[in-house]
Amino acid sequence: MKRWVKMIRFIGGLCLVTLLGIAYVSYLCHNSLCLAPERSNLSPRYSVSSSSSSSRSEILSSPTSMVKLIGGFPSKVNIESVAFEETYDMGFDITSRDVIVFLHIQKTGGTTFGRHLVRDLNLENPCNCPRKRKRCDCFRPNTVNEQWLFSRYSTGWKCGLHADWTELTDCVEGALDEYEGSSRKRRYFFITVLRDPIHRYLSEFRHVQRGATWKSARHWCGGQEFTSLPHCYKGSNWTGVELDEFMNCSYNLAHNRQTRMLADLTLAGCYTGYNTTADQLERDRILLQSAKQNLASMAYFGLTEEQGTSQYIFERTFHLDFSTPFDQANATLSAQAIAELTPVQIERVRQLNSLDNELLEFARQLLQQRFKMLKRRDPHFRRNWLRVIHPHKSERTTETH
């Protein structure tokens, strides 16, 4: 009898230890400390149509099933994101549940583009932009609080200052639910603007040199906010920094900013060990591939250096026209700034933004593909194109005919 009692106690103790071990491991995983060996899909955060999935597979050569995860930051976010061809085929319904989400990357010309969105679109019910107020009310027709545009100049920075792809896809639906006071499923049309990496990087450098910090950015990823990212400067800002010092800070988020802001950061461990030597090549590969895929799956993107083409693509994709043409910014100032740099400095800037350089080359090719496709499908291409690049000439041509 005593032997059986001892055996029962032993088995009971073993079960208790096992349960405690399971509970401990579950706690660690809940706090994002477990490592997941791989994900079968590169971007499981949102649902996309079959047409957008097939178009991405044609564009990307690397199989997404081979992507390995560096850090364990799972996300259960599932929102419906509409891709480029589906947007063109089905259109954007401002009266229903469609929302344009503008991913605004610093120093890409996004401020000007954002103003175009709220002030210059030809709509039956345009955004209401009161004087002396930065933001506009872009409500759906016959509603008092339902937004069709999620951007700096409509909703404000609801998902954080210059929220990236990872933050926006995790936040936008909840932010709109809170803003509108009701929970509902929406279709999201992500858009962004990219710029030549060297020009963008130098523009950000000069902006920081004048005192900009973007301290209030959240850096939200994998269900948590990373508040302990190191700063490159001491004190309140980095005013007066020289370019070499700016470049020498290894954890400067200006480096390859466009790739980082378009990638799903959960695939690379979010900001854990950011820019360290461990697994850096693998991390870079994952981020670049993810950024390319997310860019290709967006409803729209433009290039700062291709204003006319970018405007035409937006108008034909969304079937919406701008009343004011996009101005092509004069590159003299940027060219002058580059001319002041030494060859060593230029090469250093190029190396620090090598991922962005590759991303931009991918974007240029994709932009031309979309332009050619839209041109081929546009029976009034000449008239529509002239209206974009020569608006006054287009008006005279229309009056004559």
Protein backbone atom coordinates (compact mmCIF):
# COMPACT_ATOMS: atom_id res chain seq x y z
CA MET A 1 0.00 0.00 0.00
CA LYS A 2 2.79 2.45 0.95
CA ARG A 3 4.49 1.67 -2.39
CA TRP A 4 1.30 2.63 -4.29
CA VAL A 5 0.94 5.85 -2.27
CA LYS A 6 4.54 6.84 -3.06
CA MET A 7 4.00 6.06 -6.76
CA ILE A 8 0.81 8.16 -6.89
CA ARG A 9 2.59 11.05 -5.16
CA PHE A 10 5.50 10.76 -7.59
CA ILE A 11 3.21 10.80 -10.64
CA GLY A 12 1.24 13.71 -9.19
CA GLY A 13 4.42 15.70 -8.57
CA LEU A 14 5.64 14.98 -12.12
CA CYS A 15 2.33 16.21 -13.56
CA LEU A 16 2.54 19.36 -11.45
CA VAL A 17 6.08 20.12 -12.66
CA THR A 18 4.97 19.54 -16.28
CA LEU A 19 2.02 21.90 -15.93
CA LEU A 20 4.22 24.58 -14.37
CA GLY A 21 6.71 24.20 -17.23
CA ILE A 22 3.97 24.58 -19.85
CA ALA A 23 2.64 27.66 -18.08
CA TYR A 24 6.12 29.21 -17.95
CA VAL A 25 6.80 28.59 -21.66
CA SER A 26 3.37 30.00 -22.53
CA TYR A 27 4.18 33.14 -20.54
CA LEU A 28 7.44 33.61 -22.41
CA CYS A 29 5.75 33.17 -25.79
CA HIS A 30 3.02 35.58 -24.82
CA ASN A 31 5.71 38.17 -24.20
CA SER A 32 7.25 37.60 -27.64
CA LEU A 33 10.36 35.81 -26.42
CA CYS A 34 9.81 32.57 -28.35
CA LEU A 35 11.44 32.09 -31.72
CA ALA A 36 9.29 30.87 -34.58
CA PRO A 37 11.30 28.84 -37.12
CA GLU A 38 9.46 30.04 -40.22
CA ARG A 39 6.29 31.44 -41.70
CA SER A 40 4.61 29.93 -44.68
CA ASN A 41 3.55 33.36 -45.98
CA LEU A 42 5.55 36.54 -46.14
CA SER A 43 2.68 38.81 -45.22
CA PRO A 44 -0.12 37.18 -43.21
CA ARG A 45 -1.41 40.43 -41.70
CA TYR A 46 -4.14 41.17 -44.21
CA SER A 47 -6.24 39.43 -46.81
CA VAL A 48 -5.73 40.16 -50.50
CA SER A 49 -7.62 39.12 -53.59
CA SER A 50 -6.44 36.23 -55.73
CA SER A 51 -5.67 38.62 -58.59
CA SER A 52 -3.32 40.67 -56.44
CA SER A 53 -1.61 37.53 -55.18
CA SER A 54 -0.95 36.31 -58.71
CA SER A 55 0.40 39.68 -59.81
CA ARG A 56 2.81 39.69 -56.89
CA SER A 57 4.05 36.20 -57.71
CA GLU A 58 4.93 37.36 -61.22
CA ILE A 59 6.85 40.35 -59.89
CA LEU A 60 8.81 38.67 -57.11
CA SER A 61 11.31 35.98 -58.00
CA SER A 62 12.03 34.68 -54.48
CA PRO A 63 9.51 32.19 -53.07
CA THR A 64 7.92 33.62 -49.96
CA SER A 65 7.72 30.20 -48.33
CA MET A 66 11.51 30.22 -47.92
CA VAL A 67 11.58 33.35 -45.75
CA LYS A 68 12.79 32.63 -42.21
CA LEU A 69 11.76 34.58 -39.14
CA ILE A 70 14.54 36.10 -37.04
CA GLY A 71 12.42 37.05 -34.03
CA GLY A 72 9.06 35.84 -32.79
CA PHE A 73 6.51 38.66 -33.09
CA PRO A 74 3.27 37.12 -34.38
CA SER A 75 0.30 39.26 -35.34
CA LYS A 76 -3.36 38.30 -35.64
CA VAL A 77 -4.33 41.45 -37.51
CA ASN A 78 -6.49 40.68 -40.53
CA ILE A 79 -7.69 43.57 -42.65
CA GLU A 80 -8.81 43.62 -46.25
CA SER A 81 -6.26 45.41 -48.43
CA VAL A 82 -7.09 46.11 -52.07
CA ALA A 83 -4.30 45.84 -54.64
CA PHE A 84 -3.61 47.92 -57.75
CA GLU A 85 -5.38 45.89 -60.46
CA GLU A 86 -8.40 45.22 -58.26
CA THR A 87 -8.64 48.96 -57.57
CA TYR A 88 -8.58 49.70 -61.30
CA ASP A 89 -11.13 46.97 -62.12
CA MET A 90 -13.58 47.56 -59.26
CA GLY A 91 -12.93 51.21 -58.49
CA PHE A 92 -12.93 53.11 -55.22
CA ASP A 93 -16.36 53.54 -53.63
CA ILE A 94 -16.32 56.66 -51.48
CA THR A 95 -19.93 56.05 -50.40
CA SER A 96 -19.38 52.55 -49.04
CA ARG A 97 -16.62 51.11 -46.81
CA ASP A 98 -13.51 51.99 -48.82
CA VAL A 99 -10.67 53.91 -47.14
CA ILE A 100 -7.50 55.30 -48.71
CA VAL A 101 -4.58 54.95 -46.26
CA PHE A 102 -1.58 57.18 -46.96
CA LEU A 103 1.73 55.79 -45.71
CA HIS A 104 3.76 58.98 -45.42
CA ILE A 105 7.54 58.42 -45.50
CA GLN A 106 9.64 61.37 -44.38
CA LYS A 107 11.15 63.69 -47.01
CA THR A 108 9.59 62.05 -50.05
CA GLY A 109 7.29 64.91 -51.00
CA GLY A 110 4.47 63.37 -48.99
CA THR A 111 3.40 66.66 -47.43
CA THR A 112 2.62 68.15 -50.85
CA PHE A 113 0.93 64.97 -52.02
CA GLY A 114 -1.11 64.81 -48.81
CA ARG A 115 -2.40 68.34 -49.43
CA HIS A 116 -3.38 67.37 -52.97
CA LEU A 117 -5.49 64.54 -51.55
CA VAL A 118 -7.54 66.76 -49.25
CA ARG A 119 -7.73 69.93 -51.36
CA ASP A 120 -7.50 69.12 -55.06
CA LEU A 121 -9.53 66.00 -55.81
CA ASN A 122 -12.63 66.63 -57.93
CA LEU A 123 -15.34 65.16 -55.70
CA GLU A 124 -19.06 65.78 -55.42
CA ASN A 125 -18.49 66.19 -51.69
CA PRO A 126 -14.92 67.50 -51.32
CA CYS A 127 -13.06 67.58 -48.04
CA ASN A 128 -13.98 70.52 -45.83
CA CYS A 129 -10.79 72.43 -45.00
CA PRO A 130 -11.51 75.28 -42.55
CA ARG A 131 -9.13 78.22 -42.56
CA LYS A 132 -6.42 78.29 -39.90
CA ARG A 133 -6.74 74.56 -39.32
CA LYS A 134 -4.24 72.02 -40.62
CA ARG A 135 -6.64 69.13 -40.91
CA CYS A 136 -9.65 68.71 -43.16
CA ASP A 137 -12.88 66.76 -42.69
CA CYS A 138 -13.00 64.12 -45.41
CA PHE A 139 -16.32 62.50 -44.60
CA ARG A 140 -18.27 60.17 -46.84
CA PRO A 141 -21.30 61.73 -48.52
CA ASN A 142 -24.35 61.85 -46.24
CA THR A 143 -22.32 61.01 -43.11
CA VAL A 144 -21.02 63.18 -40.29
CA ASN A 145 -17.98 61.18 -39.11
CA GLU A 146 -17.13 58.35 -41.53
CA GLN A 147 -13.71 58.96 -43.06
CA TRP A 148 -12.77 57.83 -46.55
CA LEU A 149 -9.16 59.08 -46.16
CA PHE A 150 -6.72 58.12 -43.42
CA SER A 151 -3.84 60.59 -43.57
CA ARG A 152 -2.02 63.37 -41.76
CA TYR A 153 -4.30 66.07 -43.17
CA SER A 154 -7.59 64.25 -42.54
CA THR A 155 -7.45 62.07 -39.43
CA GLY A 156 -4.06 63.25 -38.18
CA TRP A 157 -1.39 60.90 -36.89
CA LYS A 158 -3.88 58.42 -35.38
CA CYS A 159 -1.42 55.52 -35.63
CA GLY A 160 1.63 57.52 -34.62
CA LEU A 161 3.89 60.06 -36.28
CA HIS A 162 4.87 58.80 -39.75
CA ALA A 163 3.48 55.34 -39.03
CA ASP A 164 5.03 52.63 -41.19
CA TRP A 165 3.40 49.63 -42.88
CA THR A 166 3.73 47.46 -39.79
CA GLU A 167 2.10 50.08 -37.57
CA LEU A 168 -0.65 51.03 -40.00
CA THR A 169 -1.85 47.51 -40.74
CA ASP A 170 -1.95 46.80 -37.02
CA CYS A 171 -3.67 50.05 -36.06
CA VAL A 172 -5.83 51.58 -38.78
CA GLU A 173 -9.04 49.63 -38.27
CA GLY A 174 -9.07 50.11 -34.50
CA ALA A 175 -8.21 53.78 -34.89
CA LEU A 176 -11.12 54.34 -37.28
CA ASP A 177 -13.49 52.35 -35.07
CA GLU A 178 -12.58 54.60 -32.17
CA TYR A 179 -12.82 57.76 -34.27
CA GLU A 180 -16.20 56.86 -35.77
CA GLY A 181 -17.60 55.28 -32.61
CA SER A 182 -18.55 51.97 -34.21
CA SER A 183 -16.84 48.75 -35.27
CA ARG A 184 -17.02 47.80 -38.94
CA LYS A 185 -15.03 46.02 -41.61
CA ARG A 186 -13.57 48.22 -44.32
CA ARG A 187 -11.60 47.85 -47.53
CA TYR A 188 -8.22 49.56 -47.33
CA PHE A 189 -6.38 51.10 -50.27
CA PHE A 190 -2.78 51.66 -49.18
CA ILE A 191 -0.82 54.34 -51.03
CA THR A 192 2.63 55.90 -50.64
CA VAL A 193 5.30 58.02 -52.34
CA LEU A 194 8.96 57.06 -52.81
CA ARG A 195 11.97 59.20 -53.63
CA ASP A 196 15.52 58.77 -54.89
CA PRO A 197 17.36 57.45 -51.78
CA ILE A 198 20.34 59.80 -51.94
CA HIS A 199 18.20 62.91 -52.34
CA ARG A 200 15.78 61.73 -49.65
CA TYR A 201 18.59 60.88 -47.22
CA LEU A 202 20.31 64.24 -47.66
CA SER A 203 16.98 66.03 -47.27
CA GLU A 204 16.37 64.20 -44.00
CA PHE A 205 19.91 65.02 -42.87
CA ARG A 206 19.36 68.74 -43.44
CA HIS A 207 15.97 68.53 -41.70
CA VAL A 208 17.58 66.93 -38.65
CA GLN A 209 20.40 69.45 -38.83
CA ARG A 210 17.75 72.15 -38.41
CA GLY A 211 16.32 70.45 -35.30
CA ALA A 212 13.84 67.79 -36.42
CA THR A 213 13.72 64.62 -34.30
CA TRP A 214 10.38 62.77 -34.82
CA LYS A 215 10.63 61.81 -31.16
CA SER A 216 6.94 61.12 -30.89
CA ALA A 217 7.07 58.26 -33.42
CA ARG A 218 5.72 55.11 -31.74
CA HIS A 219 7.72 52.29 -33.39
CA TRP A 220 4.87 49.86 -32.78
CA CYS A 221 5.52 46.30 -33.89
CA GLY A 222 4.29 42.85 -33.00
CA GLY A 223 1.76 44.12 -30.50
CA GLN A 224 4.15 46.27 -28.49
CA GLU A 225 5.84 49.66 -28.57
CA PHE A 226 9.63 49.79 -28.69
CA THR A 227 10.43 52.74 -26.45
CA SER A 228 14.08 52.00 -25.75
CA LEU A 229 15.53 52.60 -29.21
CA PRO A 230 18.80 54.52 -28.78
CA HIS A 231 19.17 58.07 -30.01
CA CYS A 232 22.09 59.20 -32.12
CA TYR A 233 22.37 62.43 -30.17
CA LYS A 234 22.47 63.73 -26.61
CA GLY A 235 20.15 66.46 -25.47
CA SER A 236 16.86 67.49 -27.03
CA ASN A 237 17.87 67.25 -30.72
CA TRP A 238 20.74 66.93 -33.18
CA THR A 239 20.86 70.52 -34.39
CA GLY A 240 24.04 71.40 -36.27
CA VAL A 241 25.09 67.79 -36.90
CA GLU A 242 27.61 67.30 -39.69
CA LEU A 243 27.01 64.74 -42.42
CA ASP A 244 29.84 62.41 -41.41
CA GLU A 245 28.54 62.26 -37.84
CA PHE A 246 25.02 61.69 -39.15
CA MET A 247 26.21 58.78 -41.27
CA ASN A 248 28.38 57.22 -38.58
CA CYS A 249 25.49 56.52 -36.20
CA SER A 250 24.84 52.83 -36.87
CA TYR A 251 21.29 52.89 -35.46
CA ASN A 252 20.21 56.00 -37.38
CA LEU A 253 16.71 55.20 -38.69
CA ALA A 254 17.37 57.42 -41.70
CA HIS A 255 19.46 54.61 -43.20
CA ASN A 256 17.29 52.62 -45.64
CA ARG A 257 14.23 54.30 -44.16
CA GLN A 258 11.97 53.58 -47.14
CA THR A 259 12.65 49.84 -47.04
CA ARG A 260 12.13 49.66 -43.29
CA MET A 261 8.88 51.62 -43.45
CA LEU A 262 7.41 49.45 -46.20
CA ALA A 263 8.46 46.07 -44.81
CA ASP A 264 6.64 43.81 -42.37
CA LEU A 265 9.06 44.25 -39.47
CA THR A 266 7.63 41.30 -37.56
CA LEU A 267 9.37 39.03 -40.09
CA ALA A 268 12.75 40.31 -38.89
CA GLY A 269 12.17 40.50 -35.16
CA CYS A 270 10.84 44.06 -35.16
CA TYR A 271 13.47 46.33 -33.56
CA THR A 272 15.17 43.62 -31.50
CA GLY A 273 18.89 43.85 -32.22
CA TYR A 274 18.20 46.50 -34.85
CA ASN A 275 21.19 47.17 -37.10
CA THR A 276 23.51 44.80 -35.23
CA THR A 277 25.97 42.58 -37.06
CA ALA A 278 24.23 39.35 -36.03
CA ASP A 279 22.15 38.02 -38.97
CA GLN A 280 22.26 41.46 -40.60
CA LEU A 281 22.51 40.14 -44.16
CA GLU A 282 19.56 37.84 -43.60
CA ARG A 283 17.59 40.60 -41.93
CA ASP A 284 18.29 42.94 -44.86
CA ARG A 285 17.20 40.30 -47.36
CA ILE A 286 13.94 39.68 -45.52
CA LEU A 287 13.13 43.38 -45.15
CA LEU A 288 13.87 44.17 -48.80
CA GLN A 289 11.81 41.28 -50.11
CA SER A 290 8.94 42.18 -47.80
CA ALA A 291 9.11 45.87 -48.80
CA LYS A 292 8.96 44.93 -52.49
CA GLN A 293 6.00 42.66 -51.94
CA ASN A 294 4.09 45.21 -49.87
CA LEU A 295 4.79 47.93 -52.42
CA ALA A 296 3.56 45.70 -55.25
CA SER A 297 0.41 44.87 -53.30
CA MET A 298 -0.48 48.51 -52.64
CA ALA A 299 -3.30 50.12 -54.56
CA TYR A 300 -1.00 52.95 -55.59
CA PHE A 301 2.45 54.45 -55.19
CA GLY A 302 4.11 57.42 -56.83
CA LEU A 303 7.68 58.61 -57.32
CA THR A 304 8.79 62.12 -56.41
CA GLU A 305 10.91 62.30 -59.57
CA GLU A 306 7.99 61.20 -61.79
CA GLN A 307 5.19 63.61 -60.85
CA GLY A 308 3.32 63.54 -64.14
CA THR A 309 3.38 59.77 -64.45
CA SER A 310 2.46 59.39 -60.79
CA GLN A 311 -0.55 61.71 -61.13
CA TYR A 312 -1.79 59.95 -64.25
CA ILE A 313 -1.53 56.53 -62.57
CA PHE A 314 -3.44 57.73 -59.50
CA GLU A 315 -6.24 59.27 -61.57
CA ARG A 316 -6.73 56.28 -63.83
CA THR A 317 -6.39 53.77 -60.98
CA PHE A 318 -8.92 55.42 -58.66
CA HIS A 319 -11.00 56.99 -61.45
CA LEU A 320 -10.60 60.35 -59.68
CA ASP A 321 -9.09 63.52 -61.13
CA PHE A 322 -7.07 66.29 -59.51
CA SER A 323 -8.05 69.85 -60.24
CA THR A 324 -4.43 70.99 -59.85
CA PRO A 325 -1.52 69.23 -61.60
CA PHE A 326 1.41 67.91 -59.60
CA ASP A 327 4.42 70.19 -59.90
CA GLN A 328 7.74 68.58 -60.69
CA ALA A 329 10.08 69.96 -58.02
CA ASN A 330 13.25 71.55 -59.28
CA ALA A 331 16.19 69.28 -58.45
CA THR A 332 18.72 72.13 -58.47
CA LEU A 333 18.94 72.36 -54.67
CA SER A 334 19.43 68.62 -54.26
CA ALA A 335 21.96 68.55 -57.07
CA GLN A 336 23.81 71.45 -55.47
CA ALA A 337 23.89 69.68 -52.12
CA ILE A 338 25.28 66.54 -53.74
CA ALA A 339 27.84 68.62 -55.65
CA GLU A 340 29.18 69.86 -52.31
CA LEU A 341 29.94 66.33 -51.13
CA THR A 342 33.16 64.47 -51.66
CA PRO A 343 33.13 61.26 -53.75
CA VAL A 344 33.78 59.33 -50.53
CA GLN A 345 30.74 60.85 -48.86
CA ILE A 346 28.49 60.18 -51.86
CA GLU A 347 29.59 56.57 -51.92
CA ARG A 348 29.01 56.28 -48.18
CA VAL A 349 25.46 57.63 -48.54
CA ARG A 350 24.84 55.15 -51.34
CA GLN A 351 26.11 52.24 -49.23
CA LEU A 352 23.99 53.23 -46.23
CA ASN A 353 20.92 53.22 -48.46
CA SER A 354 21.70 50.20 -50.62
CA LEU A 355 18.37 48.54 -49.79
CA ASP A 356 16.48 51.70 -50.71
CA ASN A 357 18.42 51.90 -53.98
CA GLU A 358 17.33 48.39 -54.90
CA LEU A 359 13.78 49.11 -53.78
CA LEU A 360 13.65 52.24 -55.94
CA GLU A 361 14.86 50.37 -59.00
CA PHE A 362 12.11 47.83 -58.42
CA ALA A 363 9.60 50.68 -57.97
CA ARG A 364 10.68 52.41 -61.19
CA GLN A 365 10.15 49.26 -63.22
CA LEU A 366 6.80 48.59 -61.56
CA LEU A 367 5.67 52.18 -62.12
CA GLN A 368 6.44 51.91 -65.83
CA GLN A 369 4.58 48.61 -66.04
CA ARG A 370 1.51 50.19 -64.50
CA PHE A 371 1.77 53.29 -66.68
CA LYS A 372 1.99 51.22 -69.87
CA MET A 373 -0.94 49.05 -68.81
CA LEU A 374 -3.14 52.05 -67.99
CA LYS A 375 -2.11 53.83 -71.19
CA ARG A 376 -3.04 50.76 -73.22
CA ARG A 377 -6.47 50.57 -71.57
CA ASP A 378 -7.20 54.31 -71.78
CA PRO A 379 -9.18 55.21 -74.93
CA HIS A 380 -8.64 58.91 -74.16
CA PHE A 381 -4.97 58.68 -73.22
CA ARG A 382 -3.77 61.71 -75.22
CA ARG A 383 -6.38 64.00 -73.69
CA ASN A 384 -5.88 62.69 -70.16
CA TRP A 385 -2.10 62.81 -70.42
CA LEU A 386 -2.06 66.35 -71.81
CA ARG A 387 -4.35 67.49 -69.00
CA VAL A 388 -1.75 66.20 -66.51
CA ILE A 389 1.42 67.56 -68.10
CA HIS A 390 0.00 70.63 -69.95
CA PRO A 391 -3.31 71.50 -68.26
CA HIS A 392 -3.82 74.83 -70.02
CA LYS A 393 -2.98 73.40 -73.42
CA SER A 394 -5.38 70.54 -72.74
CA GLU A 395 -8.16 73.04 -71.93
CA ARG A 396 -7.61 74.90 -75.21
CA THR A 397 -7.61 71.60 -77.13
CA THR A 398 -10.89 70.60 -75.48
CA GLU A 399 -12.49 73.97 -76.29
CA THR A 400 -11.39 73.75 -79.93
CA HIS A 401 -12.95 70.34 -80.33
